[in-house]
Amino acid sequence: MKKTIVSIALGAAAIFAASAVSAQTLNNVKNKGQLTCGSNTGLAGFGAPDDKGVWKGLDVDVCRAIAAAIFNDATKVKFVPLSSKDRFTALQSGEVDVLVRNSTWTMSRDTSLGLNFTGINYYDGQGFMVRKKLGVSSALELNGASVCTQQGTTTELNLADFFRANKMKYEVVAFATSDETIKAYDAGRCDAFTTDASGLYAERLKLTNPADHIVLPEIISKEPLGPAVRHGDDQWFDLVKWVLYAMVNAEELGVTQANLDQMLKSDNPEIKRLLGTEGKFGEMIGLSNDWVVRIVKNVGNYGESFERNVGEGSPLKIKRGLNALWSKGGLQYAPPIR
């Protein structure tokens, strides 16, 4: 789903080409009149079109927030569905302006693909799902189990490491795509299904009887998911990075879609800087100084986006956990706007 192993032997030519393509990305986006965003082919809660063809999800909201900051219009986004195999190539080649597609930030990807990850919009980790009737409450009880997973991903490597480290045996049942994998699990071809925990909650909705399945508590890897841009355009890198930070800061300062007009009158120095009534922080990244006002008005803060897409107010009902604000026991922490 998210972690296809891409060869890092791209060569200097590919990285130089990516840098050339990425120069002046903001101007190119303005000239096109829309942002081109690399998205998932369909992952509930993160990036998928609804029954009316409207794209929705936590990742989708990052794309919409970027568009809102630039155009004051969150609809000015063209979503390009990308498979795990094709996602990084599409960004390198300039087919998309930004990739926001549940992609794990790793050292090799950050240093060898001509890409920069701009932040973490979802702290994730690999987990397991099983049928309740299996009578298992821990992944440590899966000795001898057959496990469905997607081929050519680091999911397979994490799976092997986990079973080896715990001196357990298992049988891997691998498939080329995430759809094939979840269908095989639903058909009973394996005892357990493994992928990112976020993906487990999303894919469970596709099962014949979702309530018959549970996600086990163990998380066996670190999967920091976030947007990526090409090397070579620091202005665009800064813009995408600070859009995400602005959403987190807005939540921390209590700025929401509902109270935005009231907050514009606030005397709090941090809120004044955030909303552009003091300072010229938008100009620093090539935007108008009300750039965060545009984001909150059109999309909302990080917490609002989380709640409606993947949180308790969504079909996925994922708890905030590590994705809570740092002040509430989580890891979401944004540098200050000052």
C-alpha atoms as a PDB file:
ATOM      1  CA  MET A   1       0.000   0.000   0.000  1.00  0.00           C
ATOM      2  CA  LYS A   2       2.502   2.573   1.077  1.00  0.00           C
ATOM      3  CA  LYS A   3       5.956   1.161   1.141  1.00  0.00           C
ATOM      4  CA  THR A   4       6.898  -0.345  -2.182  1.00  0.00           C
ATOM      5  CA  ILE A   5      10.631  -0.810  -2.291  1.00  0.00           C
ATOM      6  CA  VAL A   6      11.879   1.505  -5.007  1.00  0.00           C
ATOM      7  CA  SER A   7      15.342   1.042  -6.385  1.00  0.00           C
ATOM      8  CA  ILE A   8      17.565   3.850  -5.171  1.00  0.00           C
ATOM      9  CA  ALA A   9      19.912   3.470  -8.116  1.00  0.00           C
ATOM     10  CA  LEU A  10      18.304   6.295 -10.063  1.00  0.00           C
ATOM     11  CA  GLY A  11      21.557   7.959 -11.003  1.00  0.00           C
ATOM     12  CA  ALA A  12      22.557  11.602 -10.897  1.00  0.00           C
ATOM     13  CA  ALA A  13      20.714  12.382 -14.128  1.00  0.00           C
ATOM     14  CA  ALA A  14      17.310  11.611 -12.621  1.00  0.00           C
ATOM     15  CA  ILE A  15      17.947  13.774  -9.583  1.00  0.00           C
ATOM     16  CA  PHE A  16      19.246  16.666 -11.703  1.00  0.00           C
ATOM     17  CA  ALA A  17      16.152  16.347 -13.891  1.00  0.00           C
ATOM     18  CA  ALA A  18      13.910  16.420 -10.840  1.00  0.00           C
ATOM     19  CA  SER A  19      15.624  19.581  -9.609  1.00  0.00           C
ATOM     20  CA  ALA A  20      15.140  21.280 -12.959  1.00  0.00           C
ATOM     21  CA  VAL A  21      11.472  20.316 -13.107  1.00  0.00           C
ATOM     22  CA  SER A  22      10.846  21.501  -9.555  1.00  0.00           C
ATOM     23  CA  ALA A  23      12.236  25.005  -9.959  1.00  0.00           C
ATOM     24  CA  GLN A  24       9.592  27.694  -9.493  1.00  0.00           C
ATOM     25  CA  THR A  25       6.857  25.237  -8.609  1.00  0.00           C
ATOM     26  CA  LEU A  26       4.683  27.896  -6.982  1.00  0.00           C
ATOM     27  CA  ASN A  27       4.704  30.016 -10.150  1.00  0.00           C
ATOM     28  CA  ASN A  28       3.866  26.974 -12.244  1.00  0.00           C
ATOM     29  CA  VAL A  29       0.950  26.107  -9.971  1.00  0.00           C
ATOM     30  CA  LYS A  30      -0.368  29.667 -10.152  1.00  0.00           C
ATOM     31  CA  ASN A  31      -0.049  29.692 -13.936  1.00  0.00           C
ATOM     32  CA  LYS A  32      -1.936  26.385 -14.216  1.00  0.00           C
ATOM     33  CA  GLY A  33      -4.628  27.694 -11.911  1.00  0.00           C
ATOM     34  CA  GLN A  34      -4.608  24.510  -9.866  1.00  0.00           C
ATOM     35  CA  LEU A  35      -2.445  22.222  -7.750  1.00  0.00           C
ATOM     36  CA  THR A  36      -1.686  18.731  -9.074  1.00  0.00           C
ATOM     37  CA  CYS A  37      -1.577  16.357  -6.134  1.00  0.00           C
ATOM     38  CA  GLY A  38      -0.439  12.735  -6.178  1.00  0.00           C
ATOM     39  CA  SER A  39      -3.011  10.752  -4.195  1.00  0.00           C
ATOM     40  CA  ASN A  40      -3.877   7.205  -3.248  1.00  0.00           C
ATOM     41  CA  THR A  41      -5.818   5.046  -5.675  1.00  0.00           C
ATOM     42  CA  GLY A  42      -8.442   4.718  -2.953  1.00  0.00           C
ATOM     43  CA  LEU A  43      -7.843   4.430   0.790  1.00  0.00           C
ATOM     44  CA  ALA A  44     -10.833   5.277   2.960  1.00  0.00           C
ATOM     45  CA  GLY A  45     -10.190   8.120   5.374  1.00  0.00           C
ATOM     46  CA  PHE A  46      -6.957   9.183   3.699  1.00  0.00           C
ATOM     47  CA  GLY A  47      -7.511   9.584  -0.034  1.00  0.00           C
ATOM     48  CA  ALA A  48     -10.478   8.358  -2.055  1.00  0.00           C
ATOM     49  CA  PRO A  49     -13.340   9.772  -4.151  1.00  0.00           C
ATOM     50  CA  ASP A  50     -16.806   9.500  -2.619  1.00  0.00           C
ATOM     51  CA  ASP A  51     -19.915   8.263  -4.454  1.00  0.00           C
ATOM     52  CA  LYS A  52     -20.150  11.647  -6.180  1.00  0.00           C
ATOM     53  CA  GLY A  53     -16.526  11.597  -7.291  1.00  0.00           C
ATOM     54  CA  VAL A  54     -15.401  14.189  -4.709  1.00  0.00           C
ATOM     55  CA  TRP A  55     -12.000  13.394  -3.206  1.00  0.00           C
ATOM     56  CA  LYS A  56     -11.919  13.226   0.585  1.00  0.00           C
ATOM     57  CA  GLY A  57      -9.480  12.178   3.282  1.00  0.00           C
ATOM     58  CA  LEU A  58      -6.754  13.282   5.685  1.00  0.00           C
ATOM     59  CA  ASP A  59      -4.159  13.363   2.887  1.00  0.00           C
ATOM     60  CA  VAL A  60      -6.633  15.011   0.534  1.00  0.00           C
ATOM     61  CA  ASP A  61      -7.133  17.798   3.073  1.00  0.00           C
ATOM     62  CA  VAL A  62      -3.409  18.609   2.990  1.00  0.00           C
ATOM     63  CA  CYS A  63      -3.661  19.061  -0.768  1.00  0.00           C
ATOM     64  CA  ARG A  64      -6.785  21.182  -0.361  1.00  0.00           C
ATOM     65  CA  ALA A  65      -5.083  23.281   2.325  1.00  0.00           C
ATOM     66  CA  ILE A  66      -2.184  24.026  -0.029  1.00  0.00           C
ATOM     67  CA  ALA A  67      -4.648  25.070  -2.731  1.00  0.00           C
ATOM     68  CA  ALA A  68      -6.588  27.188  -0.227  1.00  0.00           C
ATOM     69  CA  ALA A  69      -3.403  28.946   0.881  1.00  0.00           C
ATOM     70  CA  ILE A  70      -2.499  29.766  -2.721  1.00  0.00           C
ATOM     71  CA  PHE A  71      -5.881  30.395  -4.361  1.00  0.00           C
ATOM     72  CA  ASN A  72      -8.288  30.880  -1.429  1.00  0.00           C
ATOM     73  CA  ASP A  73     -10.143  27.979  -3.059  1.00  0.00           C
ATOM     74  CA  ALA A  74      -9.713  24.429  -1.767  1.00  0.00           C
ATOM     75  CA  THR A  75     -11.316  22.957  -4.898  1.00  0.00           C
ATOM     76  CA  LYS A  76      -8.481  24.019  -7.189  1.00  0.00           C
ATOM     77  CA  VAL A  77      -6.777  20.632  -6.967  1.00  0.00           C
ATOM     78  CA  LYS A  78      -6.382  17.932  -9.568  1.00  0.00           C
ATOM     79  CA  PHE A  79      -5.957  14.568  -7.849  1.00  0.00           C
ATOM     80  CA  VAL A  80      -3.811  12.005  -9.645  1.00  0.00           C
ATOM     81  CA  PRO A  81      -4.317   8.455  -8.267  1.00  0.00           C
ATOM     82  CA  LEU A  82      -0.934   6.747  -7.984  1.00  0.00           C
ATOM     83  CA  SER A  83       0.003   3.160  -7.149  1.00  0.00           C
ATOM     84  CA  SER A  84       2.762   2.385  -4.658  1.00  0.00           C
ATOM     85  CA  LYS A  85       4.995   1.509  -7.590  1.00  0.00           C
ATOM     86  CA  ASP A  86       4.452   4.731  -9.529  1.00  0.00           C
ATOM     87  CA  ARG A  87       4.099   7.396  -6.824  1.00  0.00           C
ATOM     88  CA  PHE A  88       7.721   8.522  -6.502  1.00  0.00           C
ATOM     89  CA  THR A  89       8.390   8.457 -10.243  1.00  0.00           C
ATOM     90  CA  ALA A  90       5.350  10.674 -10.819  1.00  0.00           C
ATOM     91  CA  LEU A  91       6.724  13.246  -8.396  1.00  0.00           C
ATOM     92  CA  GLN A  92      10.270  13.074  -9.779  1.00  0.00           C
ATOM     93  CA  SER A  93       9.067  13.560 -13.357  1.00  0.00           C
ATOM     94  CA  GLY A  94       6.904  16.576 -12.550  1.00  0.00           C
ATOM     95  CA  GLU A  95       3.606  14.800 -13.252  1.00  0.00           C
ATOM     96  CA  VAL A  96       2.472  15.990  -9.811  1.00  0.00           C
ATOM     97  CA  ASP A  97       3.466  19.057  -7.783  1.00  0.00           C
ATOM     98  CA  VAL A  98       3.303  17.310  -4.427  1.00  0.00           C
ATOM     99  CA  LEU A  99       2.817  13.738  -3.240  1.00  0.00           C
ATOM    100  CA  VAL A 100       0.424  13.301  -0.315  1.00  0.00           C
ATOM    101  CA  ARG A 101      -0.245   9.595  -0.360  1.00  0.00           C
ATOM    102  CA  ASN A 102       0.365   7.742   2.940  1.00  0.00           C
ATOM    103  CA  SER A 103       4.069   7.432   2.120  1.00  0.00           C
ATOM    104  CA  THR A 104       6.579   6.552   4.819  1.00  0.00           C
ATOM    105  CA  TRP A 105       9.461   8.939   5.419  1.00  0.00           C
ATOM    106  CA  THR A 106      12.632   6.816   5.406  1.00  0.00           C
ATOM    107  CA  MET A 107      16.303   7.663   5.098  1.00  0.00           C
ATOM    108  CA  SER A 108      16.758   6.036   1.693  1.00  0.00           C
ATOM    109  CA  ARG A 109      13.733   7.808   0.230  1.00  0.00           C
ATOM    110  CA  ASP A 110      14.787  11.133   1.712  1.00  0.00           C
ATOM    111  CA  THR A 111      18.360  10.938   0.450  1.00  0.00           C
ATOM    112  CA  SER A 112      18.347   8.860  -2.728  1.00  0.00           C
ATOM    113  CA  LEU A 113      15.169   9.659  -4.673  1.00  0.00           C
ATOM    114  CA  GLY A 114      15.597  13.392  -5.205  1.00  0.00           C
ATOM    115  CA  LEU A 115      12.741  14.070  -2.751  1.00  0.00           C
ATOM    116  CA  ASN A 116      12.146  16.015   0.454  1.00  0.00           C
ATOM    117  CA  PHE A 117       9.549  14.972   3.006  1.00  0.00           C
ATOM    118  CA  THR A 118       7.928  18.102   4.412  1.00  0.00           C
ATOM    119  CA  GLY A 119       6.552  16.804   7.709  1.00  0.00           C
ATOM    120  CA  ILE A 120       4.418  14.090   9.254  1.00  0.00           C
ATOM    121  CA  ASN A 121       0.658  14.337   8.961  1.00  0.00           C
ATOM    122  CA  TYR A 122       0.065  10.850  10.385  1.00  0.00           C
ATOM    123  CA  TYR A 123       2.217   8.818  12.786  1.00  0.00           C
ATOM    124  CA  ASP A 124       1.577   5.205  11.871  1.00  0.00           C
ATOM    125  CA  GLY A 125       3.000   1.736  12.354  1.00  0.00           C
ATOM    126  CA  GLN A 126       2.475  -1.736  10.924  1.00  0.00           C
ATOM    127  CA  GLY A 127      -0.100  -3.933  12.629  1.00  0.00           C
ATOM    128  CA  PHE A 128      -2.212  -7.062  12.205  1.00  0.00           C
ATOM    129  CA  MET A 129      -5.902  -7.800  11.717  1.00  0.00           C
ATOM    130  CA  VAL A 130      -7.538 -11.164  12.444  1.00  0.00           C
ATOM    131  CA  ARG A 131     -10.990 -12.673  12.670  1.00  0.00           C
ATOM    132  CA  LYS A 132     -12.484 -12.558  16.147  1.00  0.00           C
ATOM    133  CA  LYS A 133     -13.303 -16.266  15.920  1.00  0.00           C
ATOM    134  CA  LEU A 134      -9.580 -17.042  15.726  1.00  0.00           C
ATOM    135  CA  GLY A 135      -9.495 -16.286  19.454  1.00  0.00           C
ATOM    136  CA  VAL A 136      -6.267 -14.288  19.258  1.00  0.00           C
ATOM    137  CA  SER A 137      -5.738 -11.087  21.265  1.00  0.00           C
ATOM    138  CA  SER A 138      -2.049 -10.473  20.533  1.00  0.00           C
ATOM    139  CA  ALA A 139       0.258 -10.761  17.550  1.00  0.00           C
ATOM    140  CA  LEU A 140       2.523 -12.811  19.794  1.00  0.00           C
ATOM    141  CA  GLU A 141      -0.085 -15.583  19.542  1.00  0.00           C
ATOM    142  CA  LEU A 142       0.291 -15.887  15.752  1.00  0.00           C
ATOM    143  CA  ASN A 143       2.923 -18.633  15.755  1.00  0.00           C
ATOM    144  CA  GLY A 144       2.285 -20.873  12.728  1.00  0.00           C
ATOM    145  CA  ALA A 145      -0.229 -18.451  11.173  1.00  0.00           C
ATOM    146  CA  SER A 146      -0.585 -17.641   7.501  1.00  0.00           C
ATOM    147  CA  VAL A 147      -0.381 -13.882   6.858  1.00  0.00           C
ATOM    148  CA  CYS A 148      -1.641 -11.969   3.820  1.00  0.00           C
ATOM    149  CA  THR A 149       0.477  -9.028   2.705  1.00  0.00           C
ATOM    150  CA  GLN A 150       1.378  -7.008  -0.386  1.00  0.00           C
ATOM    151  CA  GLN A 151       4.371  -8.016  -2.477  1.00  0.00           C
ATOM    152  CA  GLY A 152       7.455  -5.858  -2.904  1.00  0.00           C
ATOM    153  CA  THR A 153       6.888  -3.716   0.181  1.00  0.00           C
ATOM    154  CA  THR A 154       8.780  -3.118   3.380  1.00  0.00           C
ATOM    155  CA  THR A 155       5.687  -4.625   5.027  1.00  0.00           C
ATOM    156  CA  GLU A 156       7.086  -8.027   4.040  1.00  0.00           C
ATOM    157  CA  LEU A 157      10.456  -7.180   5.601  1.00  0.00           C
ATOM    158  CA  ASN A 158       8.898  -5.929   8.840  1.00  0.00           C
ATOM    159  CA  LEU A 159       6.782  -9.091   8.973  1.00  0.00           C
ATOM    160  CA  ALA A 160       9.846 -11.310   8.630  1.00  0.00           C
ATOM    161  CA  ASP A 161      11.739  -9.321  11.279  1.00  0.00           C
ATOM    162  CA  PHE A 162       8.861  -9.566  13.761  1.00  0.00           C
ATOM    163  CA  PHE A 163       8.431 -13.325  13.484  1.00  0.00           C
ATOM    164  CA  ARG A 164      12.173 -13.966  13.524  1.00  0.00           C
ATOM    165  CA  ALA A 165      12.726 -11.717  16.552  1.00  0.00           C
ATOM    166  CA  ASN A 166       9.985 -13.558  18.444  1.00  0.00           C
ATOM    167  CA  LYS A 167      11.138 -17.016  17.286  1.00  0.00           C
ATOM    168  CA  MET A 168       7.794 -17.779  15.653  1.00  0.00           C
ATOM    169  CA  LYS A 169       6.962 -19.507  12.391  1.00  0.00           C
ATOM    170  CA  TYR A 170       4.590 -18.158   9.763  1.00  0.00           C
ATOM    171  CA  GLU A 171       3.540 -18.566   6.142  1.00  0.00           C
ATOM    172  CA  VAL A 172       3.468 -15.461   3.966  1.00  0.00           C
ATOM    173  CA  VAL A 173       0.684 -15.205   1.368  1.00  0.00           C
ATOM    174  CA  ALA A 174       1.659 -12.258  -0.846  1.00  0.00           C
ATOM    175  CA  PHE A 175      -0.256 -10.467  -3.601  1.00  0.00           C
ATOM    176  CA  ALA A 176       0.611  -7.763  -6.112  1.00  0.00           C
ATOM    177  CA  THR A 177      -1.950  -5.148  -5.020  1.00  0.00           C
ATOM    178  CA  SER A 178      -3.661  -4.075  -1.821  1.00  0.00           C
ATOM    179  CA  ASP A 179      -7.085  -4.915  -3.282  1.00  0.00           C
ATOM    180  CA  GLU A 180      -5.998  -8.483  -4.065  1.00  0.00           C
ATOM    181  CA  THR A 181      -4.533  -8.819  -0.576  1.00  0.00           C
ATOM    182  CA  ILE A 182      -7.632  -7.733   1.335  1.00  0.00           C
ATOM    183  CA  LYS A 183      -9.909  -9.816  -0.896  1.00  0.00           C
ATOM    184  CA  ALA A 184      -7.777 -12.889  -0.215  1.00  0.00           C
ATOM    185  CA  TYR A 185      -7.961 -12.275   3.530  1.00  0.00           C
ATOM    186  CA  ASP A 186     -11.728 -11.770   3.337  1.00  0.00           C
ATOM    187  CA  ALA A 187     -12.033 -15.065   1.431  1.00  0.00           C
ATOM    188  CA  GLY A 188     -10.230 -16.906   4.221  1.00  0.00           C
ATOM    189  CA  ARG A 189      -6.994 -17.613   2.373  1.00  0.00           C
ATOM    190  CA  CYS A 190      -4.942 -16.551   5.412  1.00  0.00           C
ATOM    191  CA  ASP A 191      -5.292 -16.195   9.181  1.00  0.00           C
ATOM    192  CA  ALA A 192      -4.118 -12.596   9.444  1.00  0.00           C
ATOM    193  CA  PHE A 193      -3.710  -9.479   7.318  1.00  0.00           C
ATOM    194  CA  THR A 194      -0.856  -7.023   7.864  1.00  0.00           C
ATOM    195  CA  THR A 195      -0.238  -3.457   6.695  1.00  0.00           C
ATOM    196  CA  ASP A 196      -0.099  -0.010   8.332  1.00  0.00           C
ATOM    197  CA  ALA A 197      -2.546   0.238  11.216  1.00  0.00           C
ATOM    198  CA  SER A 198      -4.311   3.116   9.444  1.00  0.00           C
ATOM    199  CA  GLY A 199      -4.726   0.877   6.412  1.00  0.00           C
ATOM    200  CA  LEU A 200      -6.128  -1.914   8.572  1.00  0.00           C
ATOM    201  CA  TYR A 201      -8.948   0.333   9.780  1.00  0.00           C
ATOM    202  CA  ALA A 202      -9.593   1.559   6.237  1.00  0.00           C
ATOM    203  CA  GLU A 203      -9.462  -1.861   4.590  1.00  0.00           C
ATOM    204  CA  ARG A 204     -11.675  -3.400   7.279  1.00  0.00           C
ATOM    205  CA  LEU A 205     -14.562  -1.331   5.888  1.00  0.00           C
ATOM    206  CA  LYS A 206     -14.275  -3.349   2.642  1.00  0.00           C
ATOM    207  CA  LEU A 207     -14.752  -6.718   4.332  1.00  0.00           C
ATOM    208  CA  THR A 208     -17.993  -8.679   4.017  1.00  0.00           C
ATOM    209  CA  ASN A 209     -18.604  -8.423   7.781  1.00  0.00           C
ATOM    210  CA  PRO A 210     -16.274  -5.736   9.224  1.00  0.00           C
ATOM    211  CA  ALA A 211     -17.502  -6.294  12.788  1.00  0.00           C
ATOM    212  CA  ASP A 212     -16.152  -9.865  12.686  1.00  0.00           C
ATOM    213  CA  HIS A 213     -12.542  -8.624  12.607  1.00  0.00           C
ATOM    214  CA  ILE A 214     -10.259  -6.936  15.140  1.00  0.00           C
ATOM    215  CA  VAL A 215      -7.002  -4.996  14.886  1.00  0.00           C
ATOM    216  CA  LEU A 216      -4.446  -6.448  17.312  1.00  0.00           C
ATOM    217  CA  PRO A 217      -2.690  -4.040  19.701  1.00  0.00           C
ATOM    218  CA  GLU A 218       0.920  -4.586  18.607  1.00  0.00           C
ATOM    219  CA  ILE A 219       2.618  -2.025  16.349  1.00  0.00           C
ATOM    220  CA  ILE A 220       5.767  -3.557  14.899  1.00  0.00           C
ATOM    221  CA  SER A 221       7.340  -0.669  12.970  1.00  0.00           C
ATOM    222  CA  LYS A 222       7.631   3.111  12.719  1.00  0.00           C
ATOM    223  CA  GLU A 223       5.752   4.536   9.715  1.00  0.00           C
ATOM    224  CA  PRO A 224       5.824   8.353   9.749  1.00  0.00           C
ATOM    225  CA  LEU A 225       3.575   9.328   6.831  1.00  0.00           C
ATOM    226  CA  GLY A 226       3.765  12.728   5.193  1.00  0.00           C
ATOM    227  CA  PRO A 227       3.852  14.886   2.056  1.00  0.00           C
ATOM    228  CA  ALA A 228       6.864  14.917  -0.249  1.00  0.00           C
ATOM    229  CA  VAL A 229       8.178  17.394  -2.820  1.00  0.00           C
ATOM    230  CA  ARG A 230      11.072  17.364  -5.256  1.00  0.00           C
ATOM    231  CA  HIS A 231      14.572  18.516  -4.388  1.00  0.00           C
ATOM    232  CA  GLY A 232      15.613  21.847  -5.834  1.00  0.00           C
ATOM    233  CA  ASP A 233      12.837  24.293  -4.948  1.00  0.00           C
ATOM    234  CA  ASP A 234      13.245  25.530  -1.392  1.00  0.00           C
ATOM    235  CA  GLN A 235      10.366  28.000  -1.652  1.00  0.00           C
ATOM    236  CA  TRP A 236       7.916  25.210  -2.513  1.00  0.00           C
ATOM    237  CA  PHE A 237       9.420  22.962   0.163  1.00  0.00           C
ATOM    238  CA  ASP A 238       8.880  25.721   2.739  1.00  0.00           C
ATOM    239  CA  LEU A 239       5.327  26.408   1.568  1.00  0.00           C
ATOM    240  CA  VAL A 240       4.138  22.796   1.752  1.00  0.00           C
ATOM    241  CA  LYS A 241       5.888  22.321   5.096  1.00  0.00           C
ATOM    242  CA  TRP A 242       4.344  25.400   6.674  1.00  0.00           C
ATOM    243  CA  VAL A 243       0.836  24.647   5.428  1.00  0.00           C
ATOM    244  CA  LEU A 244       0.906  21.485   7.535  1.00  0.00           C
ATOM    245  CA  TYR A 245       2.483  23.328  10.469  1.00  0.00           C
ATOM    246  CA  ALA A 246      -0.190  26.030  10.211  1.00  0.00           C
ATOM    247  CA  MET A 247      -2.960  23.434  10.526  1.00  0.00           C
ATOM    248  CA  VAL A 248      -1.339  21.996  13.660  1.00  0.00           C
ATOM    249  CA  ASN A 249      -0.696  25.431  15.180  1.00  0.00           C
ATOM    250  CA  ALA A 250      -4.287  26.448  14.469  1.00  0.00           C
ATOM    251  CA  GLU A 251      -5.553  23.463  16.440  1.00  0.00           C
ATOM    252  CA  GLU A 252      -3.190  24.169  19.319  1.00  0.00           C
ATOM    253  CA  LEU A 253      -4.328  27.817  19.483  1.00  0.00           C
ATOM    254  CA  GLY A 254      -7.992  26.838  19.286  1.00  0.00           C
ATOM    255  CA  VAL A 255      -8.624  28.427  15.887  1.00  0.00           C
ATOM    256  CA  THR A 256     -11.430  26.581  14.070  1.00  0.00           C
ATOM    257  CA  GLN A 257     -13.689  27.059  11.088  1.00  0.00           C
ATOM    258  CA  ALA A 258     -16.527  27.957  13.458  1.00  0.00           C
ATOM    259  CA  ASN A 259     -14.710  30.654  15.459  1.00  0.00           C
ATOM    260  CA  LEU A 260     -12.411  32.051  12.766  1.00  0.00           C
ATOM    261  CA  ASP A 261     -14.146  35.440  12.504  1.00  0.00           C
ATOM    262  CA  GLN A 262     -13.984  35.856  16.264  1.00  0.00           C
ATOM    263  CA  MET A 263     -10.318  34.817  16.383  1.00  0.00           C
ATOM    264  CA  LEU A 264      -9.437  37.450  13.760  1.00  0.00           C
ATOM    265  CA  LYS A 265     -10.206  40.013  16.485  1.00  0.00           C
ATOM    266  CA  SER A 266      -7.982  38.306  19.068  1.00  0.00           C
ATOM    267  CA  ASP A 267      -5.276  40.248  20.920  1.00  0.00           C
ATOM    268  CA  ASN A 268      -3.235  37.066  21.473  1.00  0.00           C
ATOM    269  CA  PRO A 269       0.133  37.717  19.735  1.00  0.00           C
ATOM    270  CA  GLU A 270       0.454  34.085  18.570  1.00  0.00           C
ATOM    271  CA  ILE A 271      -3.022  34.113  17.031  1.00  0.00           C
ATOM    272  CA  LYS A 272      -2.370  37.499  15.412  1.00  0.00           C
ATOM    273  CA  ARG A 273       0.792  36.146  13.754  1.00  0.00           C
ATOM    274  CA  LEU A 274      -0.993  32.924  12.743  1.00  0.00           C
ATOM    275  CA  LEU A 275      -3.899  34.737  11.093  1.00  0.00           C
ATOM    276  CA  GLY A 276      -1.818  37.496   9.530  1.00  0.00           C
ATOM    277  CA  THR A 277      -3.196  40.461  11.441  1.00  0.00           C
ATOM    278  CA  GLU A 278       0.374  41.046  12.616  1.00  0.00           C
ATOM    279  CA  GLY A 279       3.586  40.469  10.684  1.00  0.00           C
ATOM    280  CA  LYS A 280       4.210  39.436   7.083  1.00  0.00           C
ATOM    281  CA  PHE A 281       4.705  35.714   7.412  1.00  0.00           C
ATOM    282  CA  GLY A 282       2.734  34.820   4.293  1.00  0.00           C
ATOM    283  CA  GLU A 283       5.045  36.934   2.162  1.00  0.00           C
ATOM    284  CA  MET A 284       7.977  34.865   3.433  1.00  0.00           C
ATOM    285  CA  ILE A 285       6.664  31.842   1.490  1.00  0.00           C
ATOM    286  CA  GLY A 286       5.238  33.673  -1.518  1.00  0.00           C
ATOM    287  CA  LEU A 287       1.643  33.919  -0.261  1.00  0.00           C
ATOM    288  CA  SER A 288      -0.726  36.590   1.011  1.00  0.00           C
ATOM    289  CA  ASN A 289      -0.499  37.284   4.744  1.00  0.00           C
ATOM    290  CA  ASP A 290      -3.972  35.820   5.356  1.00  0.00           C
ATOM    291  CA  TRP A 291      -2.783  32.422   4.110  1.00  0.00           C
ATOM    292  CA  VAL A 292      -3.728  30.615   7.331  1.00  0.00           C
ATOM    293  CA  VAL A 293      -7.142  32.284   7.361  1.00  0.00           C
ATOM    294  CA  ARG A 294      -7.666  30.763   3.917  1.00  0.00           C
ATOM    295  CA  ILE A 295      -6.618  27.317   5.143  1.00  0.00           C
ATOM    296  CA  VAL A 296      -8.843  27.302   8.220  1.00  0.00           C
ATOM    297  CA  LYS A 297     -11.818  28.808   6.390  1.00  0.00           C
ATOM    298  CA  ASN A 298     -11.695  26.295   3.560  1.00  0.00           C
ATOM    299  CA  VAL A 299     -10.356  23.149   5.260  1.00  0.00           C
ATOM    300  CA  GLY A 300     -10.110  23.591   9.024  1.00  0.00           C
ATOM    301  CA  ASN A 301      -7.326  22.915  11.491  1.00  0.00           C
ATOM    302  CA  TYR A 302      -5.495  19.597  11.833  1.00  0.00           C
ATOM    303  CA  GLY A 303      -7.799  18.303  14.556  1.00  0.00           C
ATOM    304  CA  GLU A 304     -10.933  19.088  12.533  1.00  0.00           C
ATOM    305  CA  SER A 305      -9.492  17.282   9.521  1.00  0.00           C
ATOM    306  CA  PHE A 306      -8.472  14.266  11.624  1.00  0.00           C
ATOM    307  CA  GLU A 307     -11.856  13.995  13.325  1.00  0.00           C
ATOM    308  CA  ARG A 308     -14.011  14.022  10.196  1.00  0.00           C
ATOM    309  CA  ASN A 309     -11.760  11.816   8.073  1.00  0.00           C
ATOM    310  CA  VAL A 310     -10.326   9.140  10.359  1.00  0.00           C
ATOM    311  CA  GLY A 311     -11.308  10.008  13.941  1.00  0.00           C
ATOM    312  CA  GLU A 312     -14.250   9.195  16.156  1.00  0.00           C
ATOM    313  CA  GLY A 313     -16.559  11.205  13.894  1.00  0.00           C
ATOM    314  CA  SER A 314     -15.673   9.041  10.874  1.00  0.00           C
ATOM    315  CA  PRO A 315     -16.432   5.419   9.918  1.00  0.00           C
ATOM    316  CA  LEU A 316     -12.812   4.487  10.783  1.00  0.00           C
ATOM    317  CA  LYS A 317     -13.092   5.718  14.399  1.00  0.00           C
ATOM    318  CA  ILE A 318      -9.322   5.844  14.966  1.00  0.00           C
ATOM    319  CA  LYS A 319      -8.256   7.341  18.297  1.00  0.00           C
ATOM    320  CA  ARG A 320      -5.844  10.281  18.151  1.00  0.00           C
ATOM    321  CA  GLY A 321      -3.090   8.352  19.971  1.00  0.00           C
ATOM    322  CA  LEU A 322       0.314   9.449  18.691  1.00  0.00           C
ATOM    323  CA  ASN A 323      -1.442  11.951  16.419  1.00  0.00           C
ATOM    324  CA  ALA A 324      -2.761  13.979  19.341  1.00  0.00           C
ATOM    325  CA  LEU A 325      -1.130  17.341  19.984  1.00  0.00           C
ATOM    326  CA  TRP A 326       2.077  17.252  22.029  1.00  0.00           C
ATOM    327  CA  SER A 327       0.215  19.101  24.778  1.00  0.00           C
ATOM    328  CA  LYS A 328      -2.281  16.217  24.975  1.00  0.00           C
ATOM    329  CA  GLY A 329       0.137  13.302  25.050  1.00  0.00           C
ATOM    330  CA  GLY A 330       0.751  12.928  21.307  1.00  0.00           C
ATOM    331  CA  LEU A 331       3.545  13.739  18.865  1.00  0.00           C
ATOM    332  CA  GLN A 332       1.948  16.451  16.738  1.00  0.00           C
ATOM    333  CA  TYR A 333       4.121  19.502  17.352  1.00  0.00           C
ATOM    334  CA  ALA A 334       4.671  22.414  14.989  1.00  0.00           C
ATOM    335  CA  PRO A 335       7.359  25.117  15.094  1.00  0.00           C
ATOM    336  CA  PRO A 336       5.964  28.553  15.961  1.00  0.00           C
ATOM    337  CA  ILE A 337       5.027  31.232  13.458  1.00  0.00           C
ATOM    338  CA  ARG A 338       7.068  34.211  14.587  1.00  0.00           C
END
